[in-house]
Amino acid sequence: IRTAYLQLGFVCLFVLLGALVVAE
């Protein structure tokens, strides 16, 4: 759960670049 919170925070900061990472 703690890891998931951190992951969600990074998604907010890098949402545009994360689209490619998420797709991969």
PDB file of all heavy atoms in Angstrom:
ATOM      1  N   ILE A   1       0.841  -1.207   0.000  1.00  0.00           N
ATOM      2  CA  ILE A   1       0.000   0.000   0.000  1.00  0.00           C
ATOM      3  C   ILE A   1       0.872   1.251   0.000  1.00  0.00           C
ATOM      4  O   ILE A   1       0.619   2.215  -0.743  1.00  0.00           O
ATOM      5  CB  ILE A   1      -0.948  -0.009   1.215  1.00  0.00           C
ATOM      6  CG1 ILE A   1      -2.016  -1.095   1.036  1.00  0.00           C
ATOM      7  CG2 ILE A   1      -1.595   1.361   1.416  1.00  0.00           C
ATOM      8  CD1 ILE A   1      -2.918  -1.261   2.215  1.00  0.00           C
ATOM      9  N   ARG A   2       1.919   1.241   0.843  1.00  0.00           N
ATOM     10  CA  ARG A   2       2.803   2.411   0.874  1.00  0.00           C
ATOM     11  C   ARG A   2       3.493   2.597  -0.478  1.00  0.00           C
ATOM     12  O   ARG A   2       3.631   3.723  -0.964  1.00  0.00           O
ATOM     13  CB  ARG A   2       3.842   2.239   1.983  1.00  0.00           C
ATOM     14  CG  ARG A   2       3.263   2.368   3.385  1.00  0.00           C
ATOM     15  CD  ARG A   2       4.366   2.497   4.425  1.00  0.00           C
ATOM     16  NE  ARG A   2       5.173   1.277   4.502  1.00  0.00           N
ATOM     17  CZ  ARG A   2       4.912   0.274   5.325  1.00  0.00           C
ATOM     18  NH1 ARG A   2       3.833   0.320   6.115  1.00  0.00           N
ATOM     19  NH2 ARG A   2       5.689  -0.783   5.366  1.00  0.00           N
ATOM     20  N   THR A   3       3.897   1.480  -1.071  1.00  0.00           N
ATOM     21  CA  THR A   3       4.515   1.560  -2.393  1.00  0.00           C
ATOM     22  C   THR A   3       3.529   2.100  -3.421  1.00  0.00           C
ATOM     23  O   THR A   3       3.887   2.910  -4.293  1.00  0.00           O
ATOM     24  CB  THR A   3       5.022   0.175  -2.827  1.00  0.00           C
ATOM     25  OG1 THR A   3       5.952  -0.299  -1.851  1.00  0.00           O
ATOM     26  CG2 THR A   3       5.687   0.229  -4.189  1.00  0.00           C
ATOM     27  N   ALA A   4       2.272   1.667  -3.298  1.00  0.00           N
ATOM     28  CA  ALA A   4       1.255   2.135  -4.243  1.00  0.00           C
ATOM     29  C   ALA A   4       1.026   3.640  -4.116  1.00  0.00           C
ATOM     30  O   ALA A   4       0.840   4.337  -5.128  1.00  0.00           O
ATOM     31  CB  ALA A   4      -0.052   1.380  -4.010  1.00  0.00           C
ATOM     32  N   TYR A   5       1.039   4.183  -2.899  1.00  0.00           N
ATOM     33  CA  TYR A   5       0.894   5.639  -2.715  1.00  0.00           C
ATOM     34  C   TYR A   5       2.016   6.380  -3.425  1.00  0.00           C
ATOM     35  O   TYR A   5       1.784   7.408  -4.088  1.00  0.00           O
ATOM     36  CB  TYR A   5       0.907   5.986  -1.221  1.00  0.00           C
ATOM     37  CG  TYR A   5      -0.456   5.929  -0.564  1.00  0.00           C
ATOM     38  CD1 TYR A   5      -0.773   4.910   0.329  1.00  0.00           C
ATOM     39  CD2 TYR A   5      -1.409   6.901  -0.837  1.00  0.00           C
ATOM     40  CE1 TYR A   5      -2.014   4.851   0.933  1.00  0.00           C
ATOM     41  CE2 TYR A   5      -2.651   6.852  -0.235  1.00  0.00           C
ATOM     42  CZ  TYR A   5      -2.952   5.823   0.650  1.00  0.00           C
ATOM     43  OH  TYR A   5      -4.183   5.773   1.238  1.00  0.00           O
ATOM     44  N   LEU A   6       3.248   5.862  -3.261  1.00  0.00           N
ATOM     45  CA  LEU A   6       4.367   6.518  -3.925  1.00  0.00           C
ATOM     46  C   LEU A   6       4.229   6.439  -5.440  1.00  0.00           C
ATOM     47  O   LEU A   6       4.502   7.416  -6.155  1.00  0.00           O
ATOM     48  CB  LEU A   6       5.681   5.852  -3.493  1.00  0.00           C
ATOM     49  CG  LEU A   6       6.077   6.045  -2.020  1.00  0.00           C
ATOM     50  CD1 LEU A   6       7.326   5.241  -1.703  1.00  0.00           C
ATOM     51  CD2 LEU A   6       6.302   7.525  -1.718  1.00  0.00           C
ATOM     52  N   GLN A   7       3.789   5.288  -5.914  1.00  0.00           N
ATOM     53  CA  GLN A   7       3.619   5.143  -7.350  1.00  0.00           C
ATOM     54  C   GLN A   7       2.571   6.114  -7.887  1.00  0.00           C
ATOM     55  O   GLN A   7       2.755   6.725  -8.962  1.00  0.00           O
ATOM     56  CB  GLN A   7       3.211   3.703  -7.685  1.00  0.00           C
ATOM     57  CG  GLN A   7       4.326   2.695  -7.455  1.00  0.00           C
ATOM     58  CD  GLN A   7       3.842   1.273  -7.639  1.00  0.00           C
ATOM     59  OE1 GLN A   7       2.639   1.019  -7.694  1.00  0.00           O
ATOM     60  NE2 GLN A   7       4.786   0.339  -7.736  1.00  0.00           N
ATOM     61  N   LEU A   8       1.488   6.280  -7.161  1.00  0.00           N
ATOM     62  CA  LEU A   8       0.439   7.196  -7.599  1.00  0.00           C
ATOM     63  C   LEU A   8       0.933   8.650  -7.583  1.00  0.00           C
ATOM     64  O   LEU A   8       0.562   9.463  -8.441  1.00  0.00           O
ATOM     65  CB  LEU A   8      -0.794   7.058  -6.705  1.00  0.00           C
ATOM     66  CG  LEU A   8      -1.538   5.716  -6.836  1.00  0.00           C
ATOM     67  CD1 LEU A   8      -2.648   5.639  -5.811  1.00  0.00           C
ATOM     68  CD2 LEU A   8      -2.077   5.551  -8.228  1.00  0.00           C
ATOM     69  N   GLY A   9       1.778   8.975  -6.625  1.00  0.00           N
ATOM     70  CA  GLY A   9       2.330  10.339  -6.600  1.00  0.00           C
ATOM     71  C   GLY A   9       3.196  10.609  -7.820  1.00  0.00           C
ATOM     72  O   GLY A   9       3.135  11.690  -8.415  1.00  0.00           O
ATOM     73  N   PHE A  10       4.014   9.606  -8.195  1.00  0.00           N
ATOM     74  CA  PHE A  10       4.847   9.773  -9.384  1.00  0.00           C
ATOM     75  C   PHE A  10       4.005   9.864 -10.655  1.00  0.00           C
ATOM     76  O   PHE A  10       4.366  10.545 -11.606  1.00  0.00           O
ATOM     77  CB  PHE A  10       5.854   8.632  -9.497  1.00  0.00           C
ATOM     78  CG  PHE A  10       7.059   8.797  -8.610  1.00  0.00           C
ATOM     79  CD1 PHE A  10       7.256   7.970  -7.520  1.00  0.00           C
ATOM     80  CD2 PHE A  10       7.983   9.799  -8.863  1.00  0.00           C
ATOM     81  CE1 PHE A  10       8.360   8.125  -6.698  1.00  0.00           C
ATOM     82  CE2 PHE A  10       9.088   9.957  -8.052  1.00  0.00           C
ATOM     83  CZ  PHE A  10       9.284   9.126  -6.965  1.00  0.00           C
ATOM     84  N   VAL A  11       2.867   9.162 -10.661  1.00  0.00           N
ATOM     85  CA  VAL A  11       1.988   9.255 -11.824  1.00  0.00           C
ATOM     86  C   VAL A  11       1.476  10.683 -11.992  1.00  0.00           C
ATOM     87  O   VAL A  11       1.384  11.206 -13.106  1.00  0.00           O
ATOM     88  CB  VAL A  11       0.815   8.259 -11.686  1.00  0.00           C
ATOM     89  CG1 VAL A  11      -0.269   8.525 -12.730  1.00  0.00           C
ATOM     90  CG2 VAL A  11       1.326   6.837 -11.831  1.00  0.00           C
ATOM     91  N   CYS A  12       1.158  11.339 -10.868  1.00  0.00           N
ATOM     92  CA  CYS A  12       0.684  12.732 -10.945  1.00  0.00           C
ATOM     93  C   CYS A  12       1.777  13.658 -11.488  1.00  0.00           C
ATOM     94  O   CYS A  12       1.487  14.585 -12.246  1.00  0.00           O
ATOM     95  CB  CYS A  12       0.236  13.205  -9.563  1.00  0.00           C
ATOM     96  SG  CYS A  12      -1.233  12.377  -8.948  1.00  0.00           S
ATOM     97  N   LEU A  13       3.022  13.433 -11.101  1.00  0.00           N
ATOM     98  CA  LEU A  13       4.110  14.308 -11.525  1.00  0.00           C
ATOM     99  C   LEU A  13       4.536  14.066 -12.962  1.00  0.00           C
ATOM    100  O   LEU A  13       4.915  14.980 -13.680  1.00  0.00           O
ATOM    101  CB  LEU A  13       5.320  14.111 -10.596  1.00  0.00           C
ATOM    102  CG  LEU A  13       5.124  14.540  -9.131  1.00  0.00           C
ATOM    103  CD1 LEU A  13       6.354  14.188  -8.305  1.00  0.00           C
ATOM    104  CD2 LEU A  13       4.833  16.029  -9.033  1.00  0.00           C
ATOM    105  N   PHE A  14       4.490  12.814 -13.376  1.00  0.00           N
ATOM    106  CA  PHE A  14       5.004  12.476 -14.708  1.00  0.00           C
ATOM    107  C   PHE A  14       3.914  11.838 -15.563  1.00  0.00           C
ATOM    108  O   PHE A  14       4.116  10.817 -16.214  1.00  0.00           O
ATOM    109  CB  PHE A  14       6.188  11.505 -14.589  1.00  0.00           C
ATOM    110  CG  PHE A  14       7.293  12.017 -13.724  1.00  0.00           C
ATOM    111  CD1 PHE A  14       7.462  11.532 -12.443  1.00  0.00           C
ATOM    112  CD2 PHE A  14       8.154  12.997 -14.193  1.00  0.00           C
ATOM    113  CE1 PHE A  14       8.489  12.008 -11.634  1.00  0.00           C
ATOM    114  CE2 PHE A  14       9.181  13.471 -13.391  1.00  0.00           C
ATOM    115  CZ  PHE A  14       9.354  12.983 -12.104  1.00  0.00           C
ATOM    116  N   VAL A  15       2.744  12.438 -15.546  1.00  0.00           N
ATOM    117  CA  VAL A  15       1.605  11.824 -16.198  1.00  0.00           C
ATOM    118  C   VAL A  15       1.780  11.743 -17.708  1.00  0.00           C
ATOM    119  O   VAL A  15       1.388  10.753 -18.334  1.00  0.00           O
ATOM    120  CB  VAL A  15       0.312  12.592 -15.839  1.00  0.00           C
ATOM    121  CG1 VAL A  15       0.369  14.020 -16.326  1.00  0.00           C
ATOM    122  CG2 VAL A  15      -0.905  11.868 -16.379  1.00  0.00           C
ATOM    123  N   LEU A  16       2.391  12.775 -18.328  1.00  0.00           N
ATOM    124  CA  LEU A  16       2.541  12.749 -19.774  1.00  0.00           C
ATOM    125  C   LEU A  16       3.582  11.713 -20.200  1.00  0.00           C
ATOM    126  O   LEU A  16       3.333  10.889 -21.079  1.00  0.00           O
ATOM    127  CB  LEU A  16       2.938  14.144 -20.279  1.00  0.00           C
ATOM    128  CG  LEU A  16       1.849  15.216 -20.141  1.00  0.00           C
ATOM    129  CD1 LEU A  16       2.365  16.565 -20.633  1.00  0.00           C
ATOM    130  CD2 LEU A  16       0.600  14.823 -20.911  1.00  0.00           C
ATOM    131  N   LEU A  17       4.795  11.785 -19.577  1.00  0.00           N
ATOM    132  CA  LEU A  17       5.813  10.808 -19.918  1.00  0.00           C
ATOM    133  C   LEU A  17       5.398   9.399 -19.477  1.00  0.00           C
ATOM    134  O   LEU A  17       5.774   8.396 -20.104  1.00  0.00           O
ATOM    135  CB  LEU A  17       7.145  11.180 -19.250  1.00  0.00           C
ATOM    136  CG  LEU A  17       7.780  12.494 -19.720  1.00  0.00           C
ATOM    137  CD1 LEU A  17       9.049  12.768 -18.922  1.00  0.00           C
ATOM    138  CD2 LEU A  17       8.072  12.436 -21.206  1.00  0.00           C
ATOM    139  N   GLY A  18       4.598   9.354 -18.432  1.00  0.00           N
ATOM    140  CA  GLY A  18       4.152   8.044 -17.938  1.00  0.00           C
ATOM    141  C   GLY A  18       3.243   7.313 -18.885  1.00  0.00           C
ATOM    142  O   GLY A  18       3.097   6.087 -18.769  1.00  0.00           O
ATOM    143  N   ALA A  19       2.609   8.047 -19.815  1.00  0.00           N
ATOM    144  CA  ALA A  19       1.705   7.374 -20.754  1.00  0.00           C
ATOM    145  C   ALA A  19       2.461   6.326 -21.565  1.00  0.00           C
ATOM    146  O   ALA A  19       1.972   5.214 -21.781  1.00  0.00           O
ATOM    147  CB  ALA A  19       1.058   8.400 -21.677  1.00  0.00           C
ATOM    148  N   LEU A  20       3.678   6.692 -22.024  1.00  0.00           N
ATOM    149  CA  LEU A  20       4.470   5.727 -22.776  1.00  0.00           C
ATOM    150  C   LEU A  20       4.904   4.549 -21.896  1.00  0.00           C
ATOM    151  O   LEU A  20       4.875   3.390 -22.317  1.00  0.00           O
ATOM    152  CB  LEU A  20       5.698   6.421 -23.377  1.00  0.00           C
ATOM    153  CG  LEU A  20       5.410   7.506 -24.425  1.00  0.00           C
ATOM    154  CD1 LEU A  20       6.712   8.173 -24.851  1.00  0.00           C
ATOM    155  CD2 LEU A  20       4.695   6.900 -25.614  1.00  0.00           C
ATOM    156  N   VAL A  21       5.313   4.855 -20.670  1.00  0.00           N
ATOM    157  CA  VAL A  21       5.763   3.802 -19.756  1.00  0.00           C
ATOM    158  C   VAL A  21       4.616   2.862 -19.421  1.00  0.00           C
ATOM    159  O   VAL A  21       4.761   1.631 -19.389  1.00  0.00           O
ATOM    160  CB  VAL A  21       6.363   4.419 -18.477  1.00  0.00           C
ATOM    161  CG1 VAL A  21       6.753   3.328 -17.485  1.00  0.00           C
ATOM    162  CG2 VAL A  21       7.554   5.282 -18.827  1.00  0.00           C
ATOM    163  N   VAL A  22       3.437   3.465 -19.175  1.00  0.00           N
ATOM    164  CA  VAL A  22       2.275   2.648 -18.839  1.00  0.00           C
ATOM    165  C   VAL A  22       1.899   1.747 -20.008  1.00  0.00           C
ATOM    166  O   VAL A  22       1.567   0.569 -19.834  1.00  0.00           O
ATOM    167  CB  VAL A  22       1.092   3.546 -18.427  1.00  0.00           C
ATOM    168  CG1 VAL A  22      -0.192   2.741 -18.339  1.00  0.00           C
ATOM    169  CG2 VAL A  22       1.377   4.190 -17.083  1.00  0.00           C
ATOM    170  N   ALA A  23       1.924   2.334 -21.220  1.00  0.00           N
ATOM    171  CA  ALA A  23       1.601   1.521 -22.386  1.00  0.00           C
ATOM    172  C   ALA A  23       2.577   0.345 -22.504  1.00  0.00           C
ATOM    173  O   ALA A  23       2.173  -0.784 -22.812  1.00  0.00           O
ATOM    174  CB  ALA A  23       1.650   2.377 -23.645  1.00  0.00           C
ATOM    175  N   GLU A  24       3.865   0.621 -22.261  1.00  0.00           N
ATOM    176  CA  GLU A  24       4.863  -0.452 -22.335  1.00  0.00           C
ATOM    177  C   GLU A  24       4.617  -1.514 -21.265  1.00  0.00           C
ATOM    178  O   GLU A  24       4.698  -2.717 -21.525  1.00  0.00           O
ATOM    179  CB  GLU A  24       6.266   0.146 -22.170  1.00  0.00           C
ATOM    180  CG  GLU A  24       7.400  -0.872 -22.122  1.00  0.00           C
ATOM    181  CD  GLU A  24       7.634  -1.543 -23.454  1.00  0.00           C
ATOM    182  OE1 GLU A  24       7.219  -0.976 -24.505  1.00  0.00           O
ATOM    183  OE2 GLU A  24       8.209  -2.640 -23.462  1.00  0.00           O
TER     184      GLU A  24
END
